[in-house]
């Protein structure tokens, strides 16, 4: 096992996933590829001169996210992990699976919040989508919430 793709976000799910990924990468001598999938910006066909409201704020937000990913990578490297960070726009499940393929990942790791069965059936989750569609092994890290 040489490459592990880890889907990350900026919620409380991040730390348990980073910890599990770090432990696994160190134990296996694998590279850890952190990926944050960015929701695509809306497009407005037929409105060439239209300016997306809040574009400056979104740009600042993306710069902060980029810096935060670099901080995660730096911290993991200090712990001895061969870590790399990436951001890509797109639909979460498809983009994560494509990223794993691009990085020649041997495994994908994602976090998931405990949800009630009905909520999972109605809404689904990115983690469930990755498990359902991945050709690679997927490690799902359960994230405890205050309600669980």
C-alpha atoms as a PDB file:
ATOM      1  CA  UNK A   1       0.000   0.000   0.000  1.00  0.00           C
ATOM      2  CA  UNK A   2       1.667   3.163  -1.230  1.00  0.00           C
ATOM      3  CA  UNK A   3      -1.024   5.866  -1.522  1.00  0.00           C
ATOM      4  CA  UNK A   4      -4.041   6.699   0.609  1.00  0.00           C
ATOM      5  CA  UNK A   5      -6.551   9.315  -0.582  1.00  0.00           C
ATOM      6  CA  UNK A   6      -8.279  11.074   2.305  1.00  0.00           C
ATOM      7  CA  UNK A   7     -11.373  13.205   1.781  1.00  0.00           C
ATOM      8  CA  UNK A   8     -11.399  16.126   4.194  1.00  0.00           C
ATOM      9  CA  UNK A   9     -13.656  19.025   4.966  1.00  0.00           C
ATOM     10  CA  UNK A  10     -13.567  21.803   7.510  1.00  0.00           C
ATOM     11  CA  UNK A  11     -16.017  20.361  10.011  1.00  0.00           C
ATOM     12  CA  UNK A  12     -15.448  18.469  13.247  1.00  0.00           C
ATOM     13  CA  UNK A  13     -14.993  15.341  11.076  1.00  0.00           C
ATOM     14  CA  UNK A  14     -11.540  16.471  10.050  1.00  0.00           C
ATOM     15  CA  UNK A  15      -9.497  15.572  13.125  1.00  0.00           C
ATOM     16  CA  UNK A  16     -10.559  11.921  13.580  1.00  0.00           C
ATOM     17  CA  UNK A  17     -10.049  11.304   9.854  1.00  0.00           C
ATOM     18  CA  UNK A  18      -6.610  12.951   9.890  1.00  0.00           C
ATOM     19  CA  UNK A  19      -5.623  10.962  12.967  1.00  0.00           C
ATOM     20  CA  UNK A  20      -6.759   7.649  11.464  1.00  0.00           C
ATOM     21  CA  UNK A  21      -5.099   8.483   8.149  1.00  0.00           C
ATOM     22  CA  UNK A  22      -1.864   9.464   9.841  1.00  0.00           C
ATOM     23  CA  UNK A  23      -1.716   6.262  11.879  1.00  0.00           C
ATOM     24  CA  UNK A  24      -2.429   4.109   8.837  1.00  0.00           C
ATOM     25  CA  UNK A  25       0.073   5.925   6.614  1.00  0.00           C
ATOM     26  CA  UNK A  26       2.816   5.614   9.225  1.00  0.00           C
ATOM     27  CA  UNK A  27       2.083   1.935   9.840  1.00  0.00           C
ATOM     28  CA  UNK A  28       2.106   1.145   6.110  1.00  0.00           C
ATOM     29  CA  UNK A  29       4.776   3.585   4.967  1.00  0.00           C
ATOM     30  CA  UNK A  30       2.233   5.125   2.594  1.00  0.00           C
ATOM     31  CA  UNK A  31       1.768   8.637   1.246  1.00  0.00           C
ATOM     32  CA  UNK A  32      -1.282  10.473   2.506  1.00  0.00           C
ATOM     33  CA  UNK A  33      -3.078  12.559  -0.128  1.00  0.00           C
ATOM     34  CA  UNK A  34      -5.567  14.959   1.464  1.00  0.00           C
ATOM     35  CA  UNK A  35      -8.301  16.186  -0.851  1.00  0.00           C
ATOM     36  CA  UNK A  36     -10.890  18.862  -0.164  1.00  0.00           C
ATOM     37  CA  UNK A  37     -13.603  18.978  -2.812  1.00  0.00           C
ATOM     38  CA  UNK A  38     -14.869  22.472  -3.507  1.00  0.00           C
ATOM     39  CA  UNK A  39     -18.497  22.924  -4.474  1.00  0.00           C
ATOM     40  CA  UNK A  40     -18.621  24.293  -8.026  1.00  0.00           C
ATOM     41  CA  UNK A  41     -19.667  27.888  -8.512  1.00  0.00           C
ATOM     42  CA  UNK A  42     -23.051  28.402 -10.146  1.00  0.00           C
ATOM     43  CA  UNK A  43     -23.030  29.346 -13.784  1.00  0.00           C
ATOM     44  CA  UNK A  44     -25.501  31.675 -15.371  1.00  0.00           C
ATOM     45  CA  UNK A  45     -25.796  30.880 -19.057  1.00  0.00           C
ATOM     46  CA  UNK A  46     -26.763  33.815 -21.215  1.00  0.00           C
ATOM     47  CA  UNK A  47     -25.521  36.396 -18.736  1.00  0.00           C
ATOM     48  CA  UNK A  48     -21.975  37.096 -19.917  1.00  0.00           C
ATOM     49  CA  UNK A  49     -21.699  40.344 -17.968  1.00  0.00           C
ATOM     50  CA  UNK A  50     -23.228  38.911 -14.807  1.00  0.00           C
ATOM     51  CA  UNK A  51     -21.011  39.058 -11.728  1.00  0.00           C
ATOM     52  CA  UNK A  52     -21.516  36.334  -9.180  1.00  0.00           C
ATOM     53  CA  UNK A  53     -22.431  38.031  -5.895  1.00  0.00           C
ATOM     54  CA  UNK A  54     -19.896  37.387  -3.180  1.00  0.00           C
ATOM     55  CA  UNK A  55     -17.081  36.357  -5.502  1.00  0.00           C
ATOM     56  CA  UNK A  56     -14.503  38.314  -3.488  1.00  0.00           C
ATOM     57  CA  UNK A  57     -15.699  36.670  -0.289  1.00  0.00           C
ATOM     58  CA  UNK A  58     -15.559  33.226  -1.913  1.00  0.00           C
ATOM     59  CA  UNK A  59     -12.036  33.898  -3.142  1.00  0.00           C
ATOM     60  CA  UNK A  60     -10.954  34.841   0.380  1.00  0.00           C
ATOM     61  CA  UNK A  61     -12.652  31.721   1.742  1.00  0.00           C
ATOM     62  CA  UNK A  62     -10.799  29.503  -0.748  1.00  0.00           C
ATOM     63  CA  UNK A  63      -7.477  31.112   0.205  1.00  0.00           C
ATOM     64  CA  UNK A  64      -8.204  30.392   3.881  1.00  0.00           C
ATOM     65  CA  UNK A  65      -9.100  26.782   3.053  1.00  0.00           C
ATOM     66  CA  UNK A  66      -5.895  26.408   1.041  1.00  0.00           C
ATOM     67  CA  UNK A  67      -3.874  27.728   3.990  1.00  0.00           C
ATOM     68  CA  UNK A  68      -5.716  25.411   6.365  1.00  0.00           C
ATOM     69  CA  UNK A  69      -4.932  22.385   4.205  1.00  0.00           C
ATOM     70  CA  UNK A  70      -1.278  23.419   4.109  1.00  0.00           C
ATOM     71  CA  UNK A  71      -1.305  23.670   7.911  1.00  0.00           C
ATOM     72  CA  UNK A  72      -2.698  20.121   8.102  1.00  0.00           C
ATOM     73  CA  UNK A  73      -0.020  18.868   5.700  1.00  0.00           C
ATOM     74  CA  UNK A  74       2.745  20.631   7.643  1.00  0.00           C
ATOM     75  CA  UNK A  75       1.521  19.138  10.927  1.00  0.00           C
ATOM     76  CA  UNK A  76       1.356  15.635   9.443  1.00  0.00           C
ATOM     77  CA  UNK A  77       4.865  16.001   8.012  1.00  0.00           C
ATOM     78  CA  UNK A  78       6.171  16.977  11.449  1.00  0.00           C
ATOM     79  CA  UNK A  79       4.688  13.685  12.684  1.00  0.00           C
ATOM     80  CA  UNK A  80       6.650  11.851   9.991  1.00  0.00           C
ATOM     81  CA  UNK A  81       3.825  11.362   7.482  1.00  0.00           C
ATOM     82  CA  UNK A  82       4.533  11.856   3.772  1.00  0.00           C
ATOM     83  CA  UNK A  83       1.500  14.111   3.325  1.00  0.00           C
ATOM     84  CA  UNK A  84       0.263  16.173   0.380  1.00  0.00           C
ATOM     85  CA  UNK A  85      -2.757  18.496   0.144  1.00  0.00           C
ATOM     86  CA  UNK A  86      -5.064  19.280  -2.751  1.00  0.00           C
ATOM     87  CA  UNK A  87      -8.266  21.160  -3.540  1.00  0.00           C
ATOM     88  CA  UNK A  88     -10.477  20.379  -6.540  1.00  0.00           C
ATOM     89  CA  UNK A  89     -13.852  21.713  -7.606  1.00  0.00           C
ATOM     90  CA  UNK A  90     -16.645  19.331  -8.450  1.00  0.00           C
ATOM     91  CA  UNK A  91     -19.298  16.987  -7.176  1.00  0.00           C
ATOM     92  CA  UNK A  92     -17.943  15.402  -4.004  1.00  0.00           C
ATOM     93  CA  UNK A  93     -18.202  11.675  -4.691  1.00  0.00           C
ATOM     94  CA  UNK A  94     -17.173  11.747  -8.347  1.00  0.00           C
ATOM     95  CA  UNK A  95     -14.304  14.174  -7.705  1.00  0.00           C
ATOM     96  CA  UNK A  96     -12.974  12.150  -4.773  1.00  0.00           C
ATOM     97  CA  UNK A  97     -13.058   8.935  -6.821  1.00  0.00           C
ATOM     98  CA  UNK A  98     -11.331  10.616  -9.785  1.00  0.00           C
ATOM     99  CA  UNK A  99      -8.717  12.089  -7.458  1.00  0.00           C
ATOM    100  CA  UNK A 100      -8.003   8.669  -5.946  1.00  0.00           C
ATOM    101  CA  UNK A 101      -7.522   7.290  -9.447  1.00  0.00           C
ATOM    102  CA  UNK A 102      -5.217  10.183 -10.426  1.00  0.00           C
ATOM    103  CA  UNK A 103      -3.055   9.620  -7.330  1.00  0.00           C
ATOM    104  CA  UNK A 104      -2.909   5.838  -7.906  1.00  0.00           C
ATOM    105  CA  UNK A 105      -4.489   5.407  -4.487  1.00  0.00           C
ATOM    106  CA  UNK A 106      -4.685   1.947  -3.003  1.00  0.00           C
ATOM    107  CA  UNK A 107      -7.376   3.013  -0.543  1.00  0.00           C
ATOM    108  CA  UNK A 108      -9.768   5.865   0.202  1.00  0.00           C
ATOM    109  CA  UNK A 109     -10.532   7.188   3.677  1.00  0.00           C
ATOM    110  CA  UNK A 110     -13.532   9.363   4.537  1.00  0.00           C
ATOM    111  CA  UNK A 111     -15.379  10.401   7.660  1.00  0.00           C
ATOM    112  CA  UNK A 112     -19.075  10.197   8.327  1.00  0.00           C
ATOM    113  CA  UNK A 113     -21.375  11.513  11.014  1.00  0.00           C
ATOM    114  CA  UNK A 114     -23.736   9.133  12.684  1.00  0.00           C
ATOM    115  CA  UNK A 115     -27.157   9.738  11.223  1.00  0.00           C
ATOM    116  CA  UNK A 116     -30.467   8.136  11.818  1.00  0.00           C
ATOM    117  CA  UNK A 117     -31.496   5.513   9.289  1.00  0.00           C
ATOM    118  CA  UNK A 118     -34.323   7.561   7.776  1.00  0.00           C
ATOM    119  CA  UNK A 119     -32.037  10.546   7.276  1.00  0.00           C
ATOM    120  CA  UNK A 120     -29.443   8.355   5.534  1.00  0.00           C
ATOM    121  CA  UNK A 121     -32.085   6.804   3.280  1.00  0.00           C
ATOM    122  CA  UNK A 122     -33.546  10.163   2.285  1.00  0.00           C
ATOM    123  CA  UNK A 123     -30.381  12.219   2.022  1.00  0.00           C
ATOM    124  CA  UNK A 124     -27.560   9.746   1.604  1.00  0.00           C
ATOM    125  CA  UNK A 125     -24.055  10.922   2.344  1.00  0.00           C
ATOM    126  CA  UNK A 126     -20.807  11.491   0.545  1.00  0.00           C
ATOM    127  CA  UNK A 127     -19.226   8.627   2.482  1.00  0.00           C
ATOM    128  CA  UNK A 128     -21.974   6.240   1.414  1.00  0.00           C
ATOM    129  CA  UNK A 129     -21.610   7.392  -2.193  1.00  0.00           C
ATOM    130  CA  UNK A 130     -17.870   6.732  -2.096  1.00  0.00           C
ATOM    131  CA  UNK A 131     -18.390   3.261  -0.592  1.00  0.00           C
ATOM    132  CA  UNK A 132     -21.065   2.445  -3.150  1.00  0.00           C
ATOM    133  CA  UNK A 133     -19.108   3.549  -6.225  1.00  0.00           C
ATOM    134  CA  UNK A 134     -15.456   2.964  -5.344  1.00  0.00           C
ATOM    135  CA  UNK A 135     -13.478   0.136  -6.878  1.00  0.00           C
ATOM    136  CA  UNK A 136     -10.932   0.591  -4.083  1.00  0.00           C
ATOM    137  CA  UNK A 137     -11.196  -0.375  -0.426  1.00  0.00           C
ATOM    138  CA  UNK A 138     -12.778   2.449   1.579  1.00  0.00           C
ATOM    139  CA  UNK A 139     -12.164   3.103   5.258  1.00  0.00           C
ATOM    140  CA  UNK A 140     -15.045   5.019   6.815  1.00  0.00           C
ATOM    141  CA  UNK A 141     -14.146   6.782  10.057  1.00  0.00           C
ATOM    142  CA  UNK A 142     -17.221   7.290  12.253  1.00  0.00           C
ATOM    143  CA  UNK A 143     -17.404  10.788  13.669  1.00  0.00           C
ATOM    144  CA  UNK A 144     -19.128  11.054  17.014  1.00  0.00           C
ATOM    145  CA  UNK A 145     -21.464  13.990  17.392  1.00  0.00           C
ATOM    146  CA  UNK A 146     -22.810  15.461  20.572  1.00  0.00           C
ATOM    147  CA  UNK A 147     -26.129  13.777  19.824  1.00  0.00           C
ATOM    148  CA  UNK A 148     -24.609  10.302  19.377  1.00  0.00           C
END
